[in-house]
Amino acid sequence: MDTPPIIEVDNVLISLDCLTEKFCCDLEKCNGECCVEGDAGAPVTLDEIGGIEDSLDTVWDDLSASAQAVIDKQGVAYIDQEGCMVTSIVNGKDCVFTCHDKGCCYCTLEKAYRSGKTRFCKPISCYLYPIREVKIGEDMVGLNYHVWDVCKCAREKGKELDVPVYKFLKQPLIQRFGEKWYESLEEVVKELKANGYIK
């Protein structure tokens, strides 16, 4: 029986590995390396830039001097080589909103949000990782599972705990697409299991 490589739920195309692969962040092992690795910032929307700018005064003192200098020069975001709007970075890799505590990297935006100081948490592109969203035409988006070396420990922990990517990302997916959409996704997964497409 052939397994469908892509699933559609209410105009959202989902690659099958988002449902079958296992993932669970292991911050104690990776130390938040995703915030400081790579060659571009996190993709952001214009609305998210507004939310970041509204939070800037609150998180400013938690930012490094280098990050503050970058923001003073070019703002909280810039257009990368692929033409996407992304968060500004320091030294060609570190997100400007990264802070370090006891050898671990954290997001100052999320830290302020969880402390009740701001209304904006962080870009949905960060919240949804390791799922990456791509726009397909006017009315459809695609969700792809992204494999990155720095997340090896998250894949190992996910396998150990048997946590599929879509379950690990339940709250971000609900935030992005809504609770009814997520319930529809769960129904699709049940149907795929019942028909022997996935375990």
N, C-alpha and C. Protein backbone atom coordinates (compact mmCIF):
# COMPACT_ATOMS: atom_id res chain seq x y z
N MET A 1 0.85 -1.19 0.00
CA MET A 1 0.00 0.00 0.00
C MET A 1 0.89 1.25 0.00
N ASP A 2 0.70 2.12 -1.00
CA ASP A 2 1.51 3.33 -1.09
C ASP A 2 1.04 4.33 -0.05
N THR A 3 2.01 5.00 0.57
CA THR A 3 1.70 6.02 1.57
C THR A 3 1.69 7.39 0.91
N PRO A 4 0.64 8.19 1.09
CA PRO A 4 0.61 9.53 0.50
C PRO A 4 1.71 10.39 1.12
N PRO A 5 2.59 11.01 0.31
CA PRO A 5 3.69 11.80 0.85
C PRO A 5 3.25 13.15 1.41
N ILE A 6 2.08 13.64 0.96
CA ILE A 6 1.59 14.93 1.39
C ILE A 6 0.11 14.81 1.78
N ILE A 7 -0.24 15.41 2.91
CA ILE A 7 -1.60 15.39 3.41
C ILE A 7 -2.16 16.81 3.35
N GLU A 8 -3.44 16.96 3.04
CA GLU A 8 -4.05 18.29 3.02
C GLU A 8 -5.10 18.40 4.11
N VAL A 9 -5.01 19.45 4.89
CA VAL A 9 -6.01 19.75 5.91
C VAL A 9 -6.40 21.22 5.77
N ASP A 10 -7.58 21.46 5.24
CA ASP A 10 -8.11 22.83 5.11
C ASP A 10 -7.11 23.79 4.48
N ASN A 11 -6.70 23.47 3.26
CA ASN A 11 -5.79 24.31 2.49
C ASN A 11 -4.38 24.40 3.06
N VAL A 12 -4.03 23.47 3.93
CA VAL A 12 -2.66 23.38 4.44
C VAL A 12 -2.11 22.03 4.01
N LEU A 13 -1.04 22.05 3.21
CA LEU A 13 -0.39 20.82 2.77
C LEU A 13 0.68 20.44 3.79
N ILE A 14 0.65 19.21 4.25
CA ILE A 14 1.56 18.77 5.31
C ILE A 14 2.36 17.59 4.81
N SER A 15 3.69 17.70 4.86
CA SER A 15 4.50 16.55 4.47
C SER A 15 4.34 15.45 5.51
N LEU A 16 4.32 14.21 5.05
CA LEU A 16 4.03 13.08 5.91
C LEU A 16 4.99 12.97 7.09
N ASP A 17 6.24 13.38 6.89
CA ASP A 17 7.21 13.23 7.99
C ASP A 17 6.90 14.15 9.17
N CYS A 18 6.05 15.16 8.97
CA CYS A 18 5.59 15.97 10.12
C CYS A 18 4.73 15.13 11.06
N LEU A 19 4.16 14.06 10.51
CA LEU A 19 3.27 13.20 11.29
C LEU A 19 3.98 11.95 11.79
N THR A 20 5.05 11.56 11.12
CA THR A 20 5.69 10.28 11.46
C THR A 20 7.02 10.43 12.20
N GLU A 21 7.77 11.50 11.90
CA GLU A 21 9.06 11.68 12.57
C GLU A 21 8.86 12.11 14.02
N LYS A 22 9.83 11.77 14.85
CA LYS A 22 9.76 12.07 16.28
C LYS A 22 10.67 13.25 16.63
N PHE A 23 10.21 14.08 17.58
CA PHE A 23 10.98 15.29 17.93
C PHE A 23 10.55 15.81 19.30
N CYS A 24 11.53 16.18 20.11
CA CYS A 24 11.25 16.81 21.40
C CYS A 24 12.50 17.56 21.84
N CYS A 25 12.41 18.87 21.92
CA CYS A 25 13.60 19.68 22.26
C CYS A 25 14.24 19.20 23.56
N ASP A 26 15.56 19.22 23.55
CA ASP A 26 16.33 18.81 24.73
C ASP A 26 17.31 19.93 25.04
N LEU A 27 16.79 20.99 25.67
CA LEU A 27 17.56 22.21 25.89
C LEU A 27 18.82 21.97 26.72
N GLU A 28 18.77 21.00 27.61
CA GLU A 28 19.94 20.72 28.45
C GLU A 28 21.12 20.23 27.62
N LYS A 29 20.83 19.61 26.48
CA LYS A 29 21.91 19.09 25.63
C LYS A 29 22.30 20.06 24.51
N CYS A 30 21.30 20.71 23.89
CA CYS A 30 21.62 21.57 22.74
C CYS A 30 21.94 22.99 23.16
N ASN A 31 21.53 23.38 24.38
CA ASN A 31 21.80 24.73 24.91
C ASN A 31 21.25 25.85 24.03
N GLY A 32 20.15 25.56 23.31
CA GLY A 32 19.54 26.61 22.50
C GLY A 32 20.35 27.02 21.29
N GLU A 33 21.07 26.06 20.73
CA GLU A 33 21.99 26.37 19.63
C GLU A 33 21.27 26.92 18.40
N CYS A 34 19.98 26.61 18.24
CA CYS A 34 19.25 27.08 17.06
C CYS A 34 19.16 28.60 16.99
N CYS A 35 19.33 29.27 18.14
CA CYS A 35 19.26 30.73 18.16
C CYS A 35 20.55 31.39 17.66
N VAL A 36 21.63 30.61 17.62
CA VAL A 36 22.93 31.21 17.27
C VAL A 36 23.60 30.57 16.07
N GLU A 37 22.98 29.54 15.51
CA GLU A 37 23.56 28.90 14.32
C GLU A 37 22.76 29.31 13.08
N GLY A 38 23.40 29.17 11.92
CA GLY A 38 22.74 29.56 10.68
C GLY A 38 23.32 30.86 10.15
N ASP A 39 22.87 31.27 8.97
CA ASP A 39 23.43 32.47 8.35
C ASP A 39 22.38 33.55 8.10
N ALA A 40 21.21 33.41 8.70
CA ALA A 40 20.15 34.42 8.57
C ALA A 40 19.27 34.36 9.80
N GLY A 41 18.49 35.41 10.01
CA GLY A 41 17.59 35.45 11.15
C GLY A 41 16.34 34.64 10.91
N ALA A 42 15.42 34.73 11.85
CA ALA A 42 14.15 34.00 11.75
C ALA A 42 13.18 34.76 10.85
N PRO A 43 12.50 34.07 9.93
CA PRO A 43 11.51 34.75 9.09
C PRO A 43 10.43 35.42 9.94
N VAL A 44 10.06 36.64 9.56
CA VAL A 44 9.05 37.40 10.30
C VAL A 44 8.08 38.07 9.33
N THR A 45 6.86 38.30 9.82
CA THR A 45 5.86 39.03 9.05
C THR A 45 5.88 40.50 9.51
N LEU A 46 5.20 41.35 8.75
CA LEU A 46 5.14 42.75 9.13
C LEU A 46 4.44 42.92 10.48
N ASP A 47 3.41 42.13 10.72
CA ASP A 47 2.72 42.20 12.02
C ASP A 47 3.65 41.81 13.16
N GLU A 48 4.48 40.78 12.91
CA GLU A 48 5.41 40.34 13.94
C GLU A 48 6.48 41.40 14.19
N ILE A 49 6.90 42.08 13.17
CA ILE A 49 7.88 43.16 13.35
C ILE A 49 7.28 44.23 14.27
N GLY A 50 6.00 44.52 14.05
CA GLY A 50 5.32 45.47 14.93
C GLY A 50 5.31 45.00 16.37
N GLY A 51 5.04 43.71 16.58
CA GLY A 51 5.03 43.15 17.93
C GLY A 51 6.41 43.20 18.57
N ILE A 52 7.44 42.92 17.77
CA ILE A 52 8.81 42.97 18.26
C ILE A 52 9.18 44.39 18.65
N GLU A 53 8.83 45.33 17.80
CA GLU A 53 9.16 46.74 18.09
C GLU A 53 8.44 47.23 19.34
N ASP A 54 7.20 46.76 19.54
CA ASP A 54 6.46 47.14 20.75
C ASP A 54 7.12 46.57 22.02
N SER A 55 7.84 45.45 21.86
CA SER A 55 8.48 44.79 23.00
C SER A 55 9.91 45.26 23.23
N LEU A 56 10.43 46.04 22.29
CA LEU A 56 11.86 46.36 22.29
C LEU A 56 12.33 47.05 23.57
N ASP A 57 11.58 48.04 24.04
CA ASP A 57 12.00 48.75 25.26
C ASP A 57 12.09 47.80 26.45
N THR A 58 11.19 46.83 26.50
CA THR A 58 11.15 45.89 27.63
C THR A 58 12.37 44.97 27.64
N VAL A 59 12.80 44.52 26.46
CA VAL A 59 13.90 43.55 26.40
C VAL A 59 15.25 44.20 26.15
N TRP A 60 15.29 45.51 25.92
CA TRP A 60 16.51 46.18 25.49
C TRP A 60 17.70 45.90 26.40
N ASP A 61 17.50 46.01 27.70
CA ASP A 61 18.62 45.83 28.64
C ASP A 61 19.14 44.40 28.69
N ASP A 62 18.34 43.44 28.19
CA ASP A 62 18.78 42.04 28.16
C ASP A 62 19.60 41.71 26.91
N LEU A 63 19.62 42.63 25.95
CA LEU A 63 20.36 42.40 24.71
C LEU A 63 21.83 42.75 24.88
N SER A 64 22.68 42.07 24.12
CA SER A 64 24.11 42.38 24.16
C SER A 64 24.35 43.74 23.52
N ALA A 65 25.49 44.34 23.84
CA ALA A 65 25.85 45.63 23.24
C ALA A 65 25.94 45.51 21.72
N SER A 66 26.44 44.37 21.25
CA SER A 66 26.55 44.15 19.80
C SER A 66 25.16 44.09 19.15
N ALA A 67 24.24 43.41 19.81
CA ALA A 67 22.87 43.32 19.29
C ALA A 67 22.21 44.70 19.27
N GLN A 68 22.41 45.47 20.33
CA GLN A 68 21.84 46.81 20.38
C GLN A 68 22.38 47.68 19.24
N ALA A 69 23.68 47.53 18.96
CA ALA A 69 24.31 48.31 17.89
C ALA A 69 23.71 47.94 16.52
N VAL A 70 23.48 46.63 16.31
CA VAL A 70 22.89 46.17 15.04
C VAL A 70 21.48 46.73 14.88
N ILE A 71 20.70 46.68 15.94
CA ILE A 71 19.32 47.18 15.89
C ILE A 71 19.31 48.69 15.65
N ASP A 72 20.21 49.40 16.32
CA ASP A 72 20.31 50.85 16.11
C ASP A 72 20.61 51.18 14.65
N LYS A 73 21.41 50.33 14.02
CA LYS A 73 21.85 50.58 12.65
C LYS A 73 20.81 50.18 11.61
N GLN A 74 20.20 48.98 11.76
CA GLN A 74 19.32 48.48 10.70
C GLN A 74 17.92 48.09 11.15
N GLY A 75 17.63 48.22 12.44
CA GLY A 75 16.32 47.86 12.93
C GLY A 75 16.27 46.41 13.38
N VAL A 76 15.07 45.94 13.71
CA VAL A 76 14.91 44.59 14.27
C VAL A 76 14.89 43.51 13.20
N ALA A 77 14.77 43.92 11.92
CA ALA A 77 14.69 42.95 10.84
C ALA A 77 15.34 43.50 9.58
N TYR A 78 15.63 42.61 8.65
CA TYR A 78 16.21 43.00 7.36
C TYR A 78 15.76 42.00 6.31
N ILE A 79 16.02 42.30 5.05
CA ILE A 79 15.67 41.39 3.95
C ILE A 79 16.91 40.57 3.61
N ASP A 80 16.78 39.24 3.68
CA ASP A 80 17.93 38.38 3.44
C ASP A 80 18.16 38.15 1.94
N GLN A 81 19.14 37.30 1.61
CA GLN A 81 19.52 37.07 0.22
C GLN A 81 18.40 36.45 -0.61
N GLU A 82 17.46 35.78 0.06
CA GLU A 82 16.36 35.15 -0.64
C GLU A 82 15.14 36.07 -0.75
N GLY A 83 15.32 37.29 -0.27
CA GLY A 83 14.22 38.26 -0.35
C GLY A 83 13.19 38.14 0.75
N CYS A 84 13.54 37.43 1.82
CA CYS A 84 12.62 37.24 2.95
C CYS A 84 12.95 38.21 4.07
N MET A 85 11.92 38.68 4.77
CA MET A 85 12.13 39.52 5.93
C MET A 85 12.47 38.62 7.12
N VAL A 86 13.62 38.88 7.76
CA VAL A 86 14.08 38.04 8.87
C VAL A 86 14.60 38.92 10.00
N THR A 87 14.67 38.35 11.21
CA THR A 87 15.20 39.11 12.34
C THR A 87 16.67 39.44 12.11
N SER A 88 17.09 40.58 12.62
CA SER A 88 18.49 40.99 12.48
C SER A 88 19.39 40.03 13.25
N ILE A 89 20.63 39.92 12.78
CA ILE A 89 21.59 39.00 13.40
C ILE A 89 22.90 39.71 13.71
N VAL A 90 23.66 39.10 14.61
CA VAL A 90 24.96 39.63 15.03
C VAL A 90 26.07 38.70 14.51
N ASN A 91 27.11 39.28 13.97
CA ASN A 91 28.26 38.50 13.49
C ASN A 91 27.87 37.45 12.44
N GLY A 92 26.85 37.76 11.65
CA GLY A 92 26.47 36.87 10.57
C GLY A 92 25.73 35.62 10.98
N LYS A 93 25.37 35.47 12.29
CA LYS A 93 24.65 34.25 12.68
C LYS A 93 23.71 34.43 13.88
N ASP A 94 24.16 35.01 14.99
CA ASP A 94 23.34 35.07 16.21
C ASP A 94 22.14 36.00 16.05
N CYS A 95 20.94 35.52 16.38
CA CYS A 95 19.77 36.38 16.41
C CYS A 95 20.01 37.49 17.44
N VAL A 96 19.61 38.72 17.11
CA VAL A 96 19.85 39.84 18.03
C VAL A 96 19.10 39.67 19.35
N PHE A 97 18.08 38.82 19.36
CA PHE A 97 17.28 38.66 20.59
C PHE A 97 17.73 37.49 21.45
N THR A 98 18.91 36.96 21.14
CA THR A 98 19.47 35.89 21.95
C THR A 98 20.10 36.45 23.22
N CYS A 99 19.86 35.77 24.33
CA CYS A 99 20.56 36.10 25.56
C CYS A 99 21.16 34.81 26.11
N HIS A 100 22.18 34.92 26.91
CA HIS A 100 22.88 33.74 27.44
C HIS A 100 22.77 33.70 28.96
N ASP A 101 22.49 32.52 29.46
CA ASP A 101 22.40 32.33 30.91
C ASP A 101 22.92 30.94 31.25
N LYS A 102 23.99 30.88 32.01
CA LYS A 102 24.59 29.61 32.45
C LYS A 102 24.90 28.70 31.26
N GLY A 103 25.45 29.29 30.21
CA GLY A 103 25.88 28.53 29.04
C GLY A 103 24.79 28.15 28.08
N CYS A 104 23.56 28.61 28.34
CA CYS A 104 22.43 28.27 27.46
C CYS A 104 21.90 29.53 26.79
N CYS A 105 21.44 29.38 25.55
CA CYS A 105 20.87 30.50 24.80
C CYS A 105 19.36 30.54 24.99
N TYR A 106 18.84 31.73 25.21
CA TYR A 106 17.40 31.92 25.35
C TYR A 106 16.95 33.07 24.47
N CYS A 107 15.66 33.14 24.23
CA CYS A 107 15.08 34.25 23.47
C CYS A 107 14.60 35.31 24.45
N THR A 108 15.12 36.52 24.35
CA THR A 108 14.70 37.58 25.28
C THR A 108 13.22 37.92 25.09
N LEU A 109 12.73 37.80 23.86
CA LEU A 109 11.32 38.09 23.60
C LEU A 109 10.43 37.10 24.33
N GLU A 110 10.75 35.81 24.22
CA GLU A 110 9.96 34.78 24.88
C GLU A 110 10.08 34.90 26.40
N LYS A 111 11.28 35.21 26.86
CA LYS A 111 11.50 35.35 28.30
C LYS A 111 10.62 36.46 28.88
N ALA A 112 10.56 37.59 28.18
CA ALA A 112 9.72 38.70 28.65
C ALA A 112 8.25 38.34 28.59
N TYR A 113 7.85 37.63 27.54
CA TYR A 113 6.45 37.20 27.39
C TYR A 113 6.03 36.26 28.52
N ARG A 114 6.88 35.28 28.82
CA ARG A 114 6.55 34.30 29.85
C ARG A 114 6.57 34.91 31.25
N SER A 115 7.23 36.06 31.37
CA SER A 115 7.24 36.78 32.65
C SER A 115 6.06 37.74 32.76
N GLY A 116 5.24 37.79 31.71
CA GLY A 116 4.07 38.65 31.73
C GLY A 116 4.37 40.11 31.43
N LYS A 117 5.54 40.38 30.87
CA LYS A 117 5.95 41.76 30.63
C LYS A 117 5.53 42.28 29.26
N THR A 118 5.29 41.36 28.30
CA THR A 118 4.91 41.76 26.95
C THR A 118 3.79 40.86 26.43
N ARG A 119 3.18 41.27 25.32
CA ARG A 119 2.12 40.46 24.71
C ARG A 119 2.65 39.61 23.56
N PHE A 120 3.82 39.97 23.05
CA PHE A 120 4.38 39.24 21.91
C PHE A 120 5.38 38.20 22.40
N CYS A 121 5.22 36.94 21.96
CA CYS A 121 6.11 35.88 22.42
C CYS A 121 7.36 35.79 21.56
N LYS A 122 7.20 35.35 20.33
CA LYS A 122 8.31 35.25 19.39
C LYS A 122 7.74 34.96 18.01
N PRO A 123 8.53 35.11 16.95
CA PRO A 123 8.02 34.83 15.60
C PRO A 123 7.48 33.42 15.50
N ILE A 124 6.38 33.26 14.76
CA ILE A 124 5.77 31.93 14.61
C ILE A 124 6.74 30.97 13.93
N SER A 125 7.65 31.50 13.10
CA SER A 125 8.64 30.62 12.44
C SER A 125 9.54 29.95 13.46
N CYS A 126 9.82 30.64 14.57
CA CYS A 126 10.62 30.04 15.65
C CYS A 126 9.77 29.04 16.43
N TYR A 127 8.54 29.44 16.73
CA TYR A 127 7.65 28.62 17.54
C TYR A 127 7.31 27.30 16.85
N LEU A 128 7.21 27.34 15.51
CA LEU A 128 6.85 26.15 14.74
C LEU A 128 8.02 25.22 14.45
N TYR A 129 9.24 25.68 14.67
CA TYR A 129 10.38 24.83 14.30
C TYR A 129 10.36 23.51 15.09
N PRO A 130 10.62 22.35 14.44
CA PRO A 130 11.29 22.12 13.15
C PRO A 130 10.38 22.08 11.92
N ILE A 131 9.14 22.53 12.05
CA ILE A 131 8.31 22.67 10.85
C ILE A 131 8.57 24.04 10.24
N ARG A 132 8.72 24.04 8.93
CA ARG A 132 8.88 25.29 8.20
C ARG A 132 7.70 25.49 7.27
N GLU A 133 7.18 26.69 7.27
CA GLU A 133 6.01 27.02 6.46
C GLU A 133 6.42 27.69 5.16
N VAL A 134 5.80 27.28 4.07
CA VAL A 134 6.03 27.92 2.77
C VAL A 134 4.68 28.29 2.17
N LYS A 135 4.64 29.42 1.50
CA LYS A 135 3.39 29.87 0.85
C LYS A 135 3.28 29.21 -0.51
N ILE A 136 2.09 28.68 -0.80
CA ILE A 136 1.83 28.04 -2.08
C ILE A 136 0.63 28.75 -2.72
N GLY A 137 0.89 29.60 -3.69
CA GLY A 137 -0.18 30.35 -4.31
C GLY A 137 -0.80 31.36 -3.36
N GLU A 138 -2.04 31.72 -3.64
CA GLU A 138 -2.71 32.76 -2.84
C GLU A 138 -3.35 32.22 -1.57
N ASP A 139 -3.88 31.00 -1.65
CA ASP A 139 -4.73 30.51 -0.56
C ASP A 139 -4.22 29.27 0.15
N MET A 140 -3.01 28.86 -0.13
CA MET A 140 -2.53 27.60 0.44
C MET A 140 -1.11 27.76 0.98
N VAL A 141 -0.83 27.02 2.04
CA VAL A 141 0.53 26.99 2.59
C VAL A 141 0.96 25.53 2.73
N GLY A 142 2.27 25.33 2.76
CA GLY A 142 2.81 24.00 2.96
C GLY A 142 3.62 23.94 4.24
N LEU A 143 3.60 22.80 4.91
CA LEU A 143 4.38 22.59 6.13
C LEU A 143 5.36 21.45 5.88
N ASN A 144 6.64 21.77 6.00
CA ASN A 144 7.70 20.78 5.77
C ASN A 144 8.50 20.56 7.04
N TYR A 145 8.90 19.33 7.27
CA TYR A 145 9.75 18.99 8.41
C TYR A 145 11.20 19.23 8.02
N HIS A 146 11.89 20.06 8.83
CA HIS A 146 13.28 20.41 8.54
C HIS A 146 14.23 19.66 9.47
N VAL A 147 15.22 19.01 8.89
CA VAL A 147 16.22 18.27 9.68
C VAL A 147 17.50 19.08 9.75
N TRP A 148 17.95 19.36 10.97
CA TRP A 148 19.14 20.18 11.20
C TRP A 148 20.05 19.44 12.17
N ASP A 149 21.34 19.46 11.91
CA ASP A 149 22.30 18.74 12.76
C ASP A 149 22.21 19.14 14.23
N VAL A 150 21.98 20.43 14.48
CA VAL A 150 21.98 20.89 15.87
C VAL A 150 20.80 20.31 16.67
N CYS A 151 19.83 19.75 15.97
CA CYS A 151 18.65 19.18 16.64
C CYS A 151 18.71 17.66 16.76
N LYS A 152 19.89 17.10 16.60
CA LYS A 152 20.03 15.64 16.69
C LYS A 152 19.52 15.12 18.03
N CYS A 153 19.85 15.82 19.11
CA CYS A 153 19.43 15.37 20.44
C CYS A 153 17.91 15.44 20.59
N ALA A 154 17.27 16.39 19.90
CA ALA A 154 15.81 16.50 19.95
C ALA A 154 15.16 15.33 19.22
N ARG A 155 15.77 14.90 18.14
CA ARG A 155 15.23 13.73 17.43
C ARG A 155 15.41 12.47 18.27
N GLU A 156 16.55 12.36 18.96
CA GLU A 156 16.78 11.20 19.82
C GLU A 156 15.80 11.18 20.99
N LYS A 157 15.57 12.34 21.60
CA LYS A 157 14.64 12.41 22.73
C LYS A 157 13.21 12.14 22.25
N GLY A 158 12.87 12.65 21.06
CA GLY A 158 11.55 12.41 20.51
C GLY A 158 11.28 10.94 20.28
N LYS A 159 12.31 10.22 19.78
CA LYS A 159 12.18 8.77 19.58
C LYS A 159 12.04 8.05 20.91
N GLU A 160 12.83 8.49 21.87
CA GLU A 160 12.79 7.86 23.19
C GLU A 160 11.42 8.01 23.85
N LEU A 161 10.82 9.19 23.69
CA LEU A 161 9.52 9.47 24.31
C LEU A 161 8.35 9.19 23.38
N ASP A 162 8.66 8.84 22.12
CA ASP A 162 7.64 8.55 21.10
C ASP A 162 6.70 9.75 20.90
N VAL A 163 7.31 10.91 20.61
CA VAL A 163 6.54 12.14 20.39
C VAL A 163 6.67 12.56 18.93
N PRO A 164 5.61 12.41 18.14
CA PRO A 164 5.66 12.88 16.74
C PRO A 164 5.79 14.40 16.68
N VAL A 165 6.35 14.89 15.59
CA VAL A 165 6.57 16.33 15.42
C VAL A 165 5.28 17.11 15.63
N TYR A 166 4.17 16.66 15.02
CA TYR A 166 2.93 17.43 15.10
C TYR A 166 2.39 17.50 16.54
N LYS A 167 2.67 16.47 17.36
CA LYS A 167 2.23 16.51 18.75
C LYS A 167 3.14 17.42 19.59
N PHE A 168 4.43 17.37 19.31
CA PHE A 168 5.35 18.26 20.02
C PHE A 168 4.99 19.73 19.74
N LEU A 169 4.52 19.99 18.53
CA LEU A 169 4.20 21.36 18.11
C LEU A 169 2.70 21.67 18.20
N LYS A 170 1.98 20.98 19.06
CA LYS A 170 0.53 21.18 19.15
C LYS A 170 0.17 22.64 19.40
N GLN A 171 0.76 23.25 20.41
CA GLN A 171 0.40 24.64 20.74
C GLN A 171 0.78 25.63 19.64
N PRO A 172 1.99 25.54 19.07
CA PRO A 172 2.31 26.44 17.96
C PRO A 172 1.39 26.26 16.76
N LEU A 173 1.03 25.01 16.45
CA LEU A 173 0.15 24.76 15.32
C LEU A 173 -1.25 25.33 15.59
N ILE A 174 -1.71 25.21 16.83
CA ILE A 174 -3.01 25.79 17.19
C ILE A 174 -2.94 27.32 17.11
N GLN A 175 -1.83 27.89 17.57
CA GLN A 175 -1.69 29.34 17.50
C GLN A 175 -1.72 29.82 16.04
N ARG A 176 -1.08 29.04 15.17
CA ARG A 176 -0.99 29.46 13.76
C ARG A 176 -2.29 29.19 12.99
N PHE A 177 -2.90 28.01 13.20
CA PHE A 177 -4.02 27.62 12.35
C PHE A 177 -5.35 27.46 13.08
N GLY A 178 -5.32 27.46 14.40
CA GLY A 178 -6.56 27.36 15.16
C GLY A 178 -6.81 25.96 15.72
N GLU A 179 -7.61 25.91 16.78
CA GLU A 179 -7.87 24.64 17.46
C GLU A 179 -8.68 23.67 16.59
N LYS A 180 -9.66 24.19 15.84
CA LYS A 180 -10.46 23.32 14.98
C LYS A 180 -9.60 22.68 13.90
N TRP A 181 -8.66 23.47 13.37
CA TRP A 181 -7.76 22.92 12.36
C TRP A 181 -6.94 21.77 12.94
N TYR A 182 -6.43 21.96 14.15
CA TYR A 182 -5.62 20.91 14.77
C TYR A 182 -6.45 19.66 15.03
N GLU A 183 -7.70 19.86 15.44
CA GLU A 183 -8.59 18.70 15.65
C GLU A 183 -8.81 17.95 14.33
N SER A 184 -8.93 18.70 13.23
CA SER A 184 -9.07 18.07 11.91
C SER A 184 -7.81 17.28 11.56
N LEU A 185 -6.65 17.84 11.90
CA LEU A 185 -5.39 17.15 11.65
C LEU A 185 -5.36 15.83 12.42
N GLU A 186 -5.77 15.85 13.68
CA GLU A 186 -5.79 14.62 14.49
C GLU A 186 -6.72 13.57 13.87
N GLU A 187 -7.84 14.02 13.32
CA GLU A 187 -8.76 13.08 12.68
C GLU A 187 -8.12 12.46 11.44
N VAL A 188 -7.38 13.28 10.69
CA VAL A 188 -6.68 12.77 9.51
C VAL A 188 -5.64 11.72 9.92
N VAL A 189 -4.91 12.00 10.99
CA VAL A 189 -3.91 11.06 11.48
C VAL A 189 -4.56 9.74 11.88
N LYS A 190 -5.70 9.80 12.57
CA LYS A 190 -6.43 8.59 12.96
C LYS A 190 -6.82 7.77 11.73
N GLU A 191 -7.27 8.47 10.69
CA GLU A 191 -7.68 7.80 9.46
C GLU A 191 -6.49 7.14 8.77
N LEU A 192 -5.36 7.84 8.75
CA LEU A 192 -4.16 7.28 8.15
C LEU A 192 -3.70 6.03 8.89
N LYS A 193 -3.80 6.07 10.21
CA LYS A 193 -3.41 4.89 11.01
C LYS A 193 -4.38 3.74 10.77
N ALA A 194 -5.68 4.06 10.72
CA ALA A 194 -6.68 3.01 10.52
C ALA A 194 -6.52 2.32 9.18
N ASN A 195 -6.04 3.08 8.18
CA ASN A 195 -5.84 2.52 6.83
C ASN A 195 -4.44 1.95 6.61
N GLY A 196 -3.64 1.96 7.67
CA GLY A 196 -2.32 1.36 7.59
C GLY A 196 -1.26 2.19 6.90
N TYR A 197 -1.55 3.49 6.68
CA TYR A 197 -0.56 4.35 6.03
C TYR A 197 0.59 4.71 6.97
N ILE A 198 0.25 4.92 8.25
CA ILE A 198 1.27 5.23 9.24
C ILE A 198 1.00 4.39 10.48
N LYS A 199 2.03 4.24 11.33
CA LYS A 199 1.89 3.44 12.55
C LYS A 199 1.50 4.33 13.72
